[in-house]
Amino acid sequence: MFERYTSSMKSHLMCWFFVLISSLLLSGCSLHTHADKFNGVAGIRGEPVEYQKTNTWALHALWIFPLAGDASIENAVNEFSSEASKRGATRINIEETFSFTYWFIFPPFSFFIHPVNATISGNVEGTTGKVKK
C-alpha cells in the first residue's frame, strides 16, 4: 500500500498519524498541577495557599460542539473547583483563563474536528496538600 510513497512522505504521514492518535488519546481529560512550596509563607488571609493549574483537553466539532470531553471554560472552571474541593480548599481565586483551538494541526480534517485546550490557573487557599476521599 505504501510502495508508491517516498521515505520522506512516509515519515511525514507517520508524524501526522502520531499527532492524530495522540489527540484522540488525550481528549476528554483534565490534568492538574499544584505548587505548594511557599517556604512557610502564608497567603494574604493567613491561611496556607497553593497555586493550581488545570488543563482540560477535548475534541470539538466546528469550534463549539464537544465530541470527546468538553474543553469549554465553564467545564474547566468546574474541574478546577472540583480538584480544589478534593484537596480541602476553603477559597479559590481564579487568576487566568485561556482556551485554544488547534484548528491548523491536521488540515483539512482539523477544520471540522479539532483538539481544544482550556487552562485555568489561580490561588487555592486552605488546602492540606492531600486529596480527600
C-alpha atoms as a PDB file:
ATOM      1  CA  MET A   1       0.000   0.000   0.000  1.00  0.00           C
ATOM      2  CA  PHE A   2       2.822   2.424   0.830  1.00  0.00           C
ATOM      3  CA  GLU A   3       5.101   1.376  -2.058  1.00  0.00           C
ATOM      4  CA  ARG A   4       4.375   4.490  -4.110  1.00  0.00           C
ATOM      5  CA  TYR A   5       5.405   6.861  -1.301  1.00  0.00           C
ATOM      6  CA  THR A   6       8.967   8.009  -0.754  1.00  0.00           C
ATOM      7  CA  SER A   7      10.585   7.627   2.655  1.00  0.00           C
ATOM      8  CA  SER A   8      10.129  11.355   3.263  1.00  0.00           C
ATOM      9  CA  MET A   9       6.419  11.106   2.539  1.00  0.00           C
ATOM     10  CA  LYS A  10       6.117   8.034   4.754  1.00  0.00           C
ATOM     11  CA  SER A  11       7.757   9.796   7.681  1.00  0.00           C
ATOM     12  CA  HIS A  12       5.509  12.818   7.138  1.00  0.00           C
ATOM     13  CA  LEU A  13       2.413  10.594   7.111  1.00  0.00           C
ATOM     14  CA  MET A  14       3.587   8.752  10.221  1.00  0.00           C
ATOM     15  CA  CYS A  15       4.143  12.071  12.007  1.00  0.00           C
ATOM     16  CA  TRP A  16       0.594  13.226  11.275  1.00  0.00           C
ATOM     17  CA  PHE A  17      -0.753   9.807  12.222  1.00  0.00           C
ATOM     18  CA  PHE A  18       1.041  10.124  15.586  1.00  0.00           C
ATOM     19  CA  VAL A  19      -0.442  13.599  16.123  1.00  0.00           C
ATOM     20  CA  LEU A  20      -3.933  12.315  15.342  1.00  0.00           C
ATOM     21  CA  ILE A  21      -3.642   9.307  17.665  1.00  0.00           C
ATOM     22  CA  SER A  22      -2.185  11.486  20.442  1.00  0.00           C
ATOM     23  CA  SER A  23      -5.085  13.915  20.078  1.00  0.00           C
ATOM     24  CA  LEU A  24      -7.578  11.105  20.410  1.00  0.00           C
ATOM     25  CA  LEU A  25      -5.853   9.634  23.459  1.00  0.00           C
ATOM     26  CA  LEU A  26      -5.576  12.973  25.267  1.00  0.00           C
ATOM     27  CA  SER A  27      -9.090  14.118  24.501  1.00  0.00           C
ATOM     28  CA  GLY A  28     -11.543  14.305  27.326  1.00  0.00           C
ATOM     29  CA  CYS A  29      -9.029  14.511  30.143  1.00  0.00           C
ATOM     30  CA  SER A  30      -8.050  17.052  32.769  1.00  0.00           C
ATOM     31  CA  LEU A  31      -4.570  17.484  34.174  1.00  0.00           C
ATOM     32  CA  HIS A  32      -3.893  19.293  37.445  1.00  0.00           C
ATOM     33  CA  THR A  33      -0.615  20.741  38.685  1.00  0.00           C
ATOM     34  CA  HIS A  34      -0.011  22.234  42.109  1.00  0.00           C
ATOM     35  CA  ALA A  35       2.703  24.457  43.521  1.00  0.00           C
ATOM     36  CA  ASP A  36       2.527  24.375  47.304  1.00  0.00           C
ATOM     37  CA  LYS A  37       6.109  25.091  48.363  1.00  0.00           C
ATOM     38  CA  PHE A  38       5.890  28.674  49.595  1.00  0.00           C
ATOM     39  CA  ASN A  39       8.644  28.263  52.235  1.00  0.00           C
ATOM     40  CA  GLY A  40       6.282  28.697  55.164  1.00  0.00           C
ATOM     41  CA  VAL A  41       4.802  31.955  53.882  1.00  0.00           C
ATOM     42  CA  ALA A  42       1.030  32.077  54.356  1.00  0.00           C
ATOM     43  CA  GLY A  43      -1.435  33.691  51.969  1.00  0.00           C
ATOM     44  CA  ILE A  44      -2.893  37.171  52.354  1.00  0.00           C
ATOM     45  CA  ARG A  45      -5.533  35.956  54.824  1.00  0.00           C
ATOM     46  CA  GLY A  46      -3.009  33.972  56.875  1.00  0.00           C
ATOM     47  CA  GLU A  47      -4.099  30.589  55.550  1.00  0.00           C
ATOM     48  CA  PRO A  48      -1.957  28.092  53.636  1.00  0.00           C
ATOM     49  CA  VAL A  49      -2.043  28.812  49.909  1.00  0.00           C
ATOM     50  CA  GLU A  50      -1.097  26.921  46.785  1.00  0.00           C
ATOM     51  CA  TYR A  51      -1.098  27.710  43.085  1.00  0.00           C
ATOM     52  CA  GLN A  52      -3.194  25.361  40.982  1.00  0.00           C
ATOM     53  CA  LYS A  53      -3.326  24.991  37.209  1.00  0.00           C
ATOM     54  CA  THR A  54      -5.922  22.851  35.434  1.00  0.00           C
ATOM     55  CA  ASN A  55      -5.634  21.877  31.753  1.00  0.00           C
ATOM     56  CA  THR A  56      -8.676  20.356  30.075  1.00  0.00           C
ATOM     57  CA  TRP A  57      -8.350  18.645  26.665  1.00  0.00           C
ATOM     58  CA  ALA A  58     -11.153  17.630  24.316  1.00  0.00           C
ATOM     59  CA  LEU A  59     -12.137  17.114  20.704  1.00  0.00           C
ATOM     60  CA  HIS A  60     -14.696  19.616  19.432  1.00  0.00           C
ATOM     61  CA  ALA A  61     -16.542  19.886  16.126  1.00  0.00           C
ATOM     62  CA  LEU A  62     -16.972  23.224  14.368  1.00  0.00           C
ATOM     63  CA  TRP A  63     -15.487  25.122  17.341  1.00  0.00           C
ATOM     64  CA  ILE A  64     -18.485  24.679  19.659  1.00  0.00           C
ATOM     65  CA  PHE A  65     -19.780  21.112  19.755  1.00  0.00           C
ATOM     66  CA  PRO A  66     -17.914  18.799  22.168  1.00  0.00           C
ATOM     67  CA  LEU A  67     -17.332  15.307  20.760  1.00  0.00           C
ATOM     68  CA  ALA A  68     -14.933  13.686  23.236  1.00  0.00           C
ATOM     69  CA  GLY A  69     -14.720  15.571  26.501  1.00  0.00           C
ATOM     70  CA  ASP A  70     -15.571  19.239  26.997  1.00  0.00           C
ATOM     71  CA  ALA A  71     -12.880  21.908  26.981  1.00  0.00           C
ATOM     72  CA  SER A  72     -15.192  24.869  27.485  1.00  0.00           C
ATOM     73  CA  ILE A  73     -14.254  27.482  30.074  1.00  0.00           C
ATOM     74  CA  GLU A  74     -17.320  26.504  32.126  1.00  0.00           C
ATOM     75  CA  ASN A  75     -16.212  22.875  32.331  1.00  0.00           C
ATOM     76  CA  ALA A  76     -12.595  23.859  33.049  1.00  0.00           C
ATOM     77  CA  VAL A  77     -13.737  26.048  35.981  1.00  0.00           C
ATOM     78  CA  ASN A  78     -15.817  23.122  37.225  1.00  0.00           C
ATOM     79  CA  GLU A  79     -12.758  20.818  37.044  1.00  0.00           C
ATOM     80  CA  PHE A  80     -10.593  23.452  38.779  1.00  0.00           C
ATOM     81  CA  SER A  81     -13.023  23.940  41.668  1.00  0.00           C
ATOM     82  CA  SER A  82     -13.660  20.195  41.959  1.00  0.00           C
ATOM     83  CA  GLU A  83      -9.934  19.495  42.330  1.00  0.00           C
ATOM     84  CA  ALA A  84      -9.592  22.317  44.869  1.00  0.00           C
ATOM     85  CA  SER A  85     -12.527  20.937  46.837  1.00  0.00           C
ATOM     86  CA  LYS A  86     -10.973  17.436  46.877  1.00  0.00           C
ATOM     87  CA  ARG A  87      -7.835  18.947  48.386  1.00  0.00           C
ATOM     88  CA  GLY A  88      -9.829  20.654  51.163  1.00  0.00           C
ATOM     89  CA  ALA A  89      -9.809  24.228  49.849  1.00  0.00           C
ATOM     90  CA  THR A  90     -11.811  26.894  51.637  1.00  0.00           C
ATOM     91  CA  ARG A  91     -11.441  29.613  48.985  1.00  0.00           C
ATOM     92  CA  ILE A  92     -10.287  29.883  45.363  1.00  0.00           C
ATOM     93  CA  ASN A  93      -9.132  32.871  43.324  1.00  0.00           C
ATOM     94  CA  ILE A  94      -9.050  32.273  39.572  1.00  0.00           C
ATOM     95  CA  GLU A  95      -6.341  34.468  38.076  1.00  0.00           C
ATOM     96  CA  GLU A  96      -6.203  33.356  34.448  1.00  0.00           C
ATOM     97  CA  THR A  97      -8.341  31.514  31.935  1.00  0.00           C
ATOM     98  CA  PHE A  98      -7.197  30.569  28.472  1.00  0.00           C
ATOM     99  CA  SER A  99      -8.678  28.471  25.685  1.00  0.00           C
ATOM    100  CA  PHE A 100      -7.021  27.485  22.423  1.00  0.00           C
ATOM    101  CA  THR A 101      -8.359  25.575  19.425  1.00  0.00           C
ATOM    102  CA  TYR A 102      -5.803  23.665  17.335  1.00  0.00           C
ATOM    103  CA  TRP A 103      -7.710  24.070  14.054  1.00  0.00           C
ATOM    104  CA  PHE A 104      -4.498  24.141  11.976  1.00  0.00           C
ATOM    105  CA  ILE A 105      -2.914  20.912  13.183  1.00  0.00           C
ATOM    106  CA  PHE A 106      -4.224  18.464  10.542  1.00  0.00           C
ATOM    107  CA  PRO A 107      -5.896  20.291   7.638  1.00  0.00           C
ATOM    108  CA  PRO A 108      -8.463  19.897   6.145  1.00  0.00           C
ATOM    109  CA  PHE A 109      -9.697  17.359   8.725  1.00  0.00           C
ATOM    110  CA  SER A 110      -8.995  19.679  11.653  1.00  0.00           C
ATOM    111  CA  PHE A 111     -11.084  22.472  10.137  1.00  0.00           C
ATOM    112  CA  PHE A 112     -14.125  20.469  11.222  1.00  0.00           C
ATOM    113  CA  ILE A 113     -12.919  18.332  14.166  1.00  0.00           C
ATOM    114  CA  HIS A 114     -10.112  19.780  16.258  1.00  0.00           C
ATOM    115  CA  PRO A 115      -8.396  19.404  19.638  1.00  0.00           C
ATOM    116  CA  VAL A 116      -9.195  22.135  22.160  1.00  0.00           C
ATOM    117  CA  ASN A 117      -7.333  23.051  25.346  1.00  0.00           C
ATOM    118  CA  ALA A 118      -8.718  25.177  28.185  1.00  0.00           C
ATOM    119  CA  THR A 119      -6.413  26.281  31.005  1.00  0.00           C
ATOM    120  CA  ILE A 120      -7.494  27.700  34.365  1.00  0.00           C
ATOM    121  CA  SER A 121      -4.960  28.834  36.945  1.00  0.00           C
ATOM    122  CA  GLY A 122      -5.218  30.554  40.293  1.00  0.00           C
ATOM    123  CA  ASN A 123      -4.659  30.530  44.028  1.00  0.00           C
ATOM    124  CA  VAL A 124      -6.307  27.971  46.266  1.00  0.00           C
ATOM    125  CA  GLU A 125      -6.464  28.716  49.986  1.00  0.00           C
ATOM    126  CA  GLY A 126      -6.784  26.397  52.955  1.00  0.00           C
ATOM    127  CA  THR A 127      -5.637  23.187  51.286  1.00  0.00           C
ATOM    128  CA  THR A 128      -3.919  20.457  53.173  1.00  0.00           C
ATOM    129  CA  GLY A 129      -1.959  19.372  50.096  1.00  0.00           C
ATOM    130  CA  LYS A 130      -3.538  15.929  50.129  1.00  0.00           C
ATOM    131  CA  VAL A 131      -6.579  14.704  48.244  1.00  0.00           C
ATOM    132  CA  LYS A 132      -9.606  13.986  50.450  1.00  0.00           C
ATOM    133  CA  LYS A 133     -11.638  10.915  49.536  1.00  0.00           C
END
